[in-house]
C-alpha atoms as a PDB file:
ATOM      1  CA  MET A   1     203.250 350.737  55.906  1.00  0.00           C
ATOM      2  CA  THR A   2     203.199 352.275  52.054  1.00  0.00           C
ATOM      3  CA  ILE A   3     204.567 355.845  51.440  1.00  0.00           C
ATOM      4  CA  SER A   4     203.395 356.852  48.048  1.00  0.00           C
ATOM      5  CA  PRO A   5     203.569 359.552  46.239  1.00  0.00           C
ATOM      6  CA  GLY A   6     201.842 362.438  47.559  1.00  0.00           C
ATOM      7  CA  ARG A   7     198.917 364.738  46.065  1.00  0.00           C
ATOM      8  CA  PRO A   8     199.354 368.355  44.985  1.00  0.00           C
ATOM      9  CA  SER A   9     198.269 370.670  47.757  1.00  0.00           C
ATOM     10  CA  ALA A  10     197.238 373.796  47.634  1.00  0.00           C
ATOM     11  CA  PRO A  11     200.289 376.548  48.520  1.00  0.00           C
ATOM     12  CA  THR A  12     198.110 377.511  50.931  1.00  0.00           C
ATOM     13  CA  LEU A  13     197.337 374.222  52.851  1.00  0.00           C
ATOM     14  CA  LEU A  14     201.699 373.955  52.090  1.00  0.00           C
ATOM     15  CA  ALA A  15     202.324 376.366  54.129  1.00  0.00           C
ATOM     16  CA  VAL A  16     199.551 375.599  56.947  1.00  0.00           C
ATOM     17  CA  GLY A  17     201.646 372.355  57.124  1.00  0.00           C
ATOM     18  CA  ARG A  18     204.706 374.668  57.398  1.00  0.00           C
ATOM     19  CA  GLY A  19     203.080 376.726  59.592  1.00  0.00           C
ATOM     20  CA  ILE A  20     202.423 373.791  62.253  1.00  0.00           C
ATOM     21  CA  ALA A  21     205.903 372.743  61.773  1.00  0.00           C
ATOM     22  CA  ALA A  22     207.729 374.596  62.016  1.00  0.00           C
ATOM     23  CA  ALA A  23     205.672 376.041  65.710  1.00  0.00           C
ATOM     24  CA  ARG A  24     204.934 372.272  66.914  1.00  0.00           C
ATOM     25  CA  ASP A  25     207.424 372.665  69.676  1.00  0.00           C
ATOM     26  CA  ASP A  26     205.636 376.335  71.260  1.00  0.00           C
ATOM     27  CA  LEU A  27     201.895 373.824  70.411  1.00  0.00           C
ATOM     28  CA  THR A  28     203.252 370.876  71.741  1.00  0.00           C
ATOM     29  CA  ASP A  29     204.457 373.220  75.102  1.00  0.00           C
ATOM     30  CA  ALA A  30     202.220 374.745  74.982  1.00  0.00           C
ATOM     31  CA  TRP A  31     199.351 371.532  75.304  1.00  0.00           C
ATOM     32  CA  VAL A  32     201.616 370.183  78.009  1.00  0.00           C
ATOM     33  CA  GLU A  33     201.184 372.388  80.436  1.00  0.00           C
ATOM     34  CA  TRP A  34     197.783 373.310  80.056  1.00  0.00           C
ATOM     35  CA  ILE A  35     196.901 369.706  80.167  1.00  0.00           C
ATOM     36  CA  THR A  36     198.883 369.152  83.447  1.00  0.00           C
ATOM     37  CA  ASN A  37     197.866 373.037  84.904  1.00  0.00           C
ATOM     38  CA  ARG A  38     194.305 370.823  84.726  1.00  0.00           C
ATOM     39  CA  HIS A  39     195.544 367.881  86.580  1.00  0.00           C
ATOM     40  CA  THR A  40     196.743 367.708  90.565  1.00  0.00           C
ATOM     41  CA  ASP A  41     198.973 364.037  89.585  1.00  0.00           C
ATOM     42  CA  GLY A  42     201.408 365.393  87.667  1.00  0.00           C
ATOM     43  CA  ALA A  43     203.396 361.617  88.154  1.00  0.00           C
ATOM     44  CA  ALA A  44     200.706 360.210  86.084  1.00  0.00           C
ATOM     45  CA  LEU A  45     201.008 362.612  83.242  1.00  0.00           C
ATOM     46  CA  GLU A  46     204.823 361.345  82.959  1.00  0.00           C
ATOM     47  CA  SER A  47     204.631 357.926  83.284  1.00  0.00           C
ATOM     48  CA  PHE A  48     202.180 358.020  79.718  1.00  0.00           C
ATOM     49  CA  LYS A  49     204.395 360.068  77.767  1.00  0.00           C
ATOM     50  CA  LEU A  50     201.963 362.386  77.790  1.00  0.00           C
ATOM     51  CA  PRO A  51     204.855 365.310  75.498  1.00  0.00           C
ATOM     52  CA  ARG A  52     205.443 362.828  73.229  1.00  0.00           C
ATOM     53  CA  THR A  53     202.088 361.826  72.200  1.00  0.00           C
ATOM     54  CA  LEU A  54     201.833 365.532  72.044  1.00  0.00           C
ATOM     55  CA  ARG A  55     204.244 366.088  70.317  1.00  0.00           C
ATOM     56  CA  LEU A  56     203.494 363.198  67.553  1.00  0.00           C
ATOM     57  CA  ILE A  57     200.136 364.569  67.212  1.00  0.00           C
ATOM     58  CA  VAL A  58     201.235 367.953  66.320  1.00  0.00           C
ATOM     59  CA  ALA A  59     203.625 366.964  63.931  1.00  0.00           C
ATOM     60  CA  LEU A  60     200.776 364.755  61.907  1.00  0.00           C
ATOM     61  CA  LEU A  61     198.569 367.336  62.084  1.00  0.00           C
ATOM     62  CA  GLY A  62     200.808 369.248  60.447  1.00  0.00           C
ATOM     63  CA  HIS A  63     201.774 366.130  57.730  1.00  0.00           C
ATOM     64  CA  MET A  64     197.350 366.095  57.441  1.00  0.00           C
ATOM     65  CA  THR A  65     196.714 369.430  55.808  1.00  0.00           C
ATOM     66  CA  GLY A  66     199.280 368.612  53.287  1.00  0.00           C
ATOM     67  CA  PRO A  67     200.731 366.662  50.668  1.00  0.00           C
ATOM     68  CA  LEU A  68     200.885 363.503  52.117  1.00  0.00           C
ATOM     69  CA  ARG A  69     197.183 363.596  54.342  1.00  0.00           C
ATOM     70  CA  ARG A  70     196.040 360.770  52.253  1.00  0.00           C
ATOM     71  CA  GLU A  71     199.232 358.133  53.564  1.00  0.00           C
ATOM     72  CA  THR A  72     198.940 360.028  56.827  1.00  0.00           C
ATOM     73  CA  ARG A  73     195.679 359.766  57.724  1.00  0.00           C
ATOM     74  CA  GLU A  74     195.597 355.985  58.899  1.00  0.00           C
ATOM     75  CA  THR A  75     198.387 356.784  61.370  1.00  0.00           C
ATOM     76  CA  TRP A  76     196.946 360.080  62.458  1.00  0.00           C
ATOM     77  CA  TYR A  77     193.635 357.673  63.591  1.00  0.00           C
ATOM     78  CA  ALA A  78     196.132 355.903  65.392  1.00  0.00           C
ATOM     79  CA  ALA A  79     197.578 358.829  66.787  1.00  0.00           C
ATOM     80  CA  THR A  80     194.506 360.448  68.032  1.00  0.00           C
ATOM     81  CA  GLU A  81     192.624 356.869  69.576  1.00  0.00           C
ATOM     82  CA  LEU A  82     196.088 356.484  71.134  1.00  0.00           C
ATOM     83  CA  PHE A  83     195.825 359.544  73.011  1.00  0.00           C
ATOM     84  CA  GLY A  84     192.383 358.173  74.056  1.00  0.00           C
ATOM     85  CA  ARG A  85     193.315 355.071  75.176  1.00  0.00           C
ATOM     86  CA  LEU A  86     195.679 356.692  77.056  1.00  0.00           C
ATOM     87  CA  ALA A  87     193.467 359.535  78.354  1.00  0.00           C
ATOM     88  CA  GLU A  88     191.553 356.335  79.732  1.00  0.00           C
ATOM     89  CA  SER A  89     194.590 354.903  81.467  1.00  0.00           C
ATOM     90  CA  ARG A  90     195.015 358.120  83.010  1.00  0.00           C
ATOM     91  CA  GLY A  91     191.224 357.744  84.289  1.00  0.00           C
ATOM     92  CA  LEU A  92     189.687 360.890  82.510  1.00  0.00           C
ATOM     93  CA  SER A  93     186.375 361.419  81.631  1.00  0.00           C
ATOM     94  CA  ALA A  94     185.064 360.790  78.048  1.00  0.00           C
ATOM     95  CA  GLY A  95     183.519 365.101  78.376  1.00  0.00           C
ATOM     96  CA  GLU A  96     187.771 365.421  79.340  1.00  0.00           C
ATOM     97  CA  VAL A  97     189.262 363.646  76.529  1.00  0.00           C
ATOM     98  CA  VAL A  98     186.831 366.260  74.185  1.00  0.00           C
ATOM     99  CA  ASP A  99     188.494 369.209  75.815  1.00  0.00           C
ATOM    100  CA  GLU A 100     192.121 367.867  75.878  1.00  0.00           C
ATOM    101  CA  PHE A 101     192.218 367.383  72.484  1.00  0.00           C
ATOM    102  CA  GLN A 102     189.762 370.430  71.380  1.00  0.00           C
ATOM    103  CA  HIS A 103     192.751 372.717  73.546  1.00  0.00           C
ATOM    104  CA  VAL A 104     194.705 372.348  70.149  1.00  0.00           C
ATOM    105  CA  ARG A 105     192.682 373.816  68.052  1.00  0.00           C
ATOM    106  CA  GLY A 106     192.704 377.044  70.270  1.00  0.00           C
ATOM    107  CA  LEU A 107     196.384 376.702  70.230  1.00  0.00           C
ATOM    108  CA  LEU A 108     196.643 376.615  66.741  1.00  0.00           C
ATOM    109  CA  ILE A 109     194.062 379.830  66.388  1.00  0.00           C
ATOM    110  CA  VAL A 110     196.884 382.223  68.243  1.00  0.00           C
ATOM    111  CA  GLU A 111     199.887 380.550  66.230  1.00  0.00           C
ATOM    112  CA  LEU A 112     198.510 380.875  63.023  1.00  0.00           C
ATOM    113  CA  GLY A 113     195.893 383.519  62.622  1.00  0.00           C
ATOM    114  CA  ASP A 114     198.675 385.535  61.335  1.00  0.00           C
ATOM    115  CA  LEU A 115     199.374 383.436  58.843  1.00  0.00           C
ATOM    116  CA  ILE A 116     195.460 382.309  57.251  1.00  0.00           C
ATOM    117  CA  VAL A 117     194.830 386.458  57.950  1.00  0.00           C
ATOM    118  CA  ALA A 118     197.002 387.082  55.260  1.00  0.00           C
ATOM    119  CA  MET A 119     196.170 384.410  52.725  1.00  0.00           C
ATOM    120  CA  PRO A 120     193.298 385.459  50.244  1.00  0.00           C
ATOM    121  CA  ALA A 121     190.477 386.251  51.688  1.00  0.00           C
ATOM    122  CA  ARG A 122     189.179 383.080  49.135  1.00  0.00           C
ATOM    123  CA  GLN A 123     191.485 380.860  50.538  1.00  0.00           C
ATOM    124  CA  GLN A 124     191.173 381.995  54.549  1.00  0.00           C
ATOM    125  CA  LEU A 125     188.122 379.555  54.995  1.00  0.00           C
ATOM    126  CA  PRO A 126     188.866 376.815  53.188  1.00  0.00           C
ATOM    127  CA  THR A 127     191.668 376.356  55.069  1.00  0.00           C
ATOM    128  CA  VAL A 128     190.322 377.005  58.456  1.00  0.00           C
ATOM    129  CA  LEU A 129     187.625 374.247  57.027  1.00  0.00           C
ATOM    130  CA  ARG A 130     190.730 372.119  56.372  1.00  0.00           C
ATOM    131  CA  LEU A 131     192.433 372.513  60.004  1.00  0.00           C
ATOM    132  CA  ASN A 132     188.944 371.930  62.533  1.00  0.00           C
ATOM    133  CA  GLY A 133     188.479 368.670  59.395  1.00  0.00           C
ATOM    134  CA  VAL A 134     191.572 367.306  61.290  1.00  0.00           C
ATOM    135  CA  VAL A 135     191.219 368.341  64.994  1.00  0.00           C
ATOM    136  CA  ASP A 136     187.397 367.644  64.636  1.00  0.00           C
ATOM    137  CA  SER A 137     188.289 363.743  62.946  1.00  0.00           C
ATOM    138  CA  GLY A 138     190.605 363.902  66.173  1.00  0.00           C
ATOM    139  CA  VAL A 139     189.097 364.452  68.696  1.00  0.00           C
ATOM    140  CA  SER A 140     186.252 361.897  67.321  1.00  0.00           C
ATOM    141  CA  ASN A 141     189.038 359.394  67.247  1.00  0.00           C
ATOM    142  CA  ALA A 142     190.351 359.668  70.644  1.00  0.00           C
ATOM    143  CA  VAL A 143     186.958 359.243  71.855  1.00  0.00           C
ATOM    144  CA  VAL A 144     186.295 356.147  69.805  1.00  0.00           C
ATOM    145  CA  GLY A 145     189.831 355.096  71.241  1.00  0.00           C
ATOM    146  CA  TYR A 146     189.068 356.371  75.073  1.00  0.00           C
ATOM    147  CA  THR A 147     185.889 354.614  74.631  1.00  0.00           C
ATOM    148  CA  ASP A 148     187.687 351.135  73.001  1.00  0.00           C
ATOM    149  CA  ALA A 149     189.676 350.701  76.304  1.00  0.00           C
ATOM    150  CA  LEU A 150     187.333 351.255  78.875  1.00  0.00           C
ATOM    151  CA  VAL A 151     185.365 348.751  77.087  1.00  0.00           C
ATOM    152  CA  ALA A 152     187.957 346.116  77.088  1.00  0.00           C
ATOM    153  CA  LYS A 153     189.156 347.330  80.466  1.00  0.00           C
ATOM    154  CA  MET A 154     185.891 346.501  82.230  1.00  0.00           C
ATOM    155  CA  PHE A 155     185.079 343.319  80.194  1.00  0.00           C
ATOM    156  CA  SER A 156     188.527 341.853  81.283  1.00  0.00           C
ATOM    157  CA  ARG A 157     188.387 342.488  84.389  1.00  0.00           C
ATOM    158  CA  ASP A 158     184.958 341.588  86.143  1.00  0.00           C
ATOM    159  CA  GLY A 159     183.825 345.545  85.528  1.00  0.00           C
ATOM    160  CA  VAL A 160     186.266 346.842  87.801  1.00  0.00           C
ATOM    161  CA  PRO A 161     188.511 348.995  85.134  1.00  0.00           C
ATOM    162  CA  VAL A 162     192.216 348.837  86.515  1.00  0.00           C
ATOM    163  CA  PRO A 163     195.206 349.462  84.160  1.00  0.00           C
ATOM    164  CA  THR A 164     197.436 346.747  84.208  1.00  0.00           C
ATOM    165  CA  ALA A 165     201.528 347.091  83.792  1.00  0.00           C
ATOM    166  CA  ASP A 166     201.022 345.344  80.456  1.00  0.00           C
ATOM    167  CA  SER A 167     198.445 347.221  78.783  1.00  0.00           C
ATOM    168  CA  LEU A 168     200.276 350.350  80.267  1.00  0.00           C
ATOM    169  CA  LYS A 169     203.630 348.711  78.322  1.00  0.00           C
ATOM    170  CA  GLU A 170     202.042 347.833  75.070  1.00  0.00           C
ATOM    171  CA  LEU A 171     200.416 351.519  75.414  1.00  0.00           C
ATOM    172  CA  LEU A 172     203.668 353.119  75.001  1.00  0.00           C
ATOM    173  CA  GLY A 173     205.117 350.054  72.227  1.00  0.00           C
ATOM    174  CA  GLN A 174     202.198 351.549  69.683  1.00  0.00           C
ATOM    175  CA  LEU A 175     203.222 355.353  70.426  1.00  0.00           C
ATOM    176  CA  HIS A 176     207.138 354.087  69.949  1.00  0.00           C
ATOM    177  CA  GLY A 177     205.515 352.063  66.690  1.00  0.00           C
ATOM    178  CA  LEU A 178     203.128 355.195  65.507  1.00  0.00           C
ATOM    179  CA  GLU A 179     206.692 357.512  65.761  1.00  0.00           C
ATOM    180  CA  ALA A 180     208.696 355.700  63.230  1.00  0.00           C
ATOM    181  CA  GLU A 181     206.311 355.834  60.853  1.00  0.00           C
ATOM    182  CA  LEU A 182     206.260 359.657  61.816  1.00  0.00           C
ATOM    183  CA  HIS A 183     210.454 359.220  60.900  1.00  0.00           C
ATOM    184  CA  LEU A 184     208.867 357.909  56.948  1.00  0.00           C
ATOM    185  CA  LEU A 185     206.041 360.940  56.277  1.00  0.00           C
ATOM    186  CA  ASP A 186     208.989 362.832  57.542  1.00  0.00           C
ATOM    187  CA  GLU A 187     211.611 361.968  55.720  1.00  0.00           C
ATOM    188  CA  ARG A 188     209.134 361.762  52.453  1.00  0.00           C
ATOM    189  CA  SER A 189     208.695 365.047  52.962  1.00  0.00           C
ATOM    190  CA  ALA A 190     211.553 366.652  53.174  1.00  0.00           C
ATOM    191  CA  SER A 191     212.009 364.947  50.014  1.00  0.00           C
ATOM    192  CA  ALA A 192     208.889 366.509  48.127  1.00  0.00           C
ATOM    193  CA  GLY A 193     209.845 369.624  49.165  1.00  0.00           C
END
């Protein structure tokens, strides 16, 4: 992945990106807890490294609002598609994928509400719209990943969707690669700012 120079961002978006970065662990923990409480099969969740995936998505969400948003876009798409593929491997329906991803929007509202309200009035709406746009693209890509995984599995198994150890290892390998790309983005962001 090549990281080109960042583009100047509005101070409000930089503040939102910093707010997400500061709250990353709290946002991730709340999201994991909510998903875990929805499902009774906690063992299946652990095998897919759900906390790692959600932490990656929350960290990328912070970058998607700042100066590295263009450089982050491809990694964001890949990470959110991976979320959908992992959801398919966990046996979720498409609606559950949407519900799980949409939950981060509510968490962001709670976590960043005071920060956004403290902004000048003319900057509040564009900031909320930017955040919503990023979350919406994440939902869309998660559904794409889910659908792609479901279709591929059905074609490869004569119409019987059964996860295999190879497909799970591949998904975890993709997660590791995306975490490495996030590390590069974090380094770039720290040096920029």
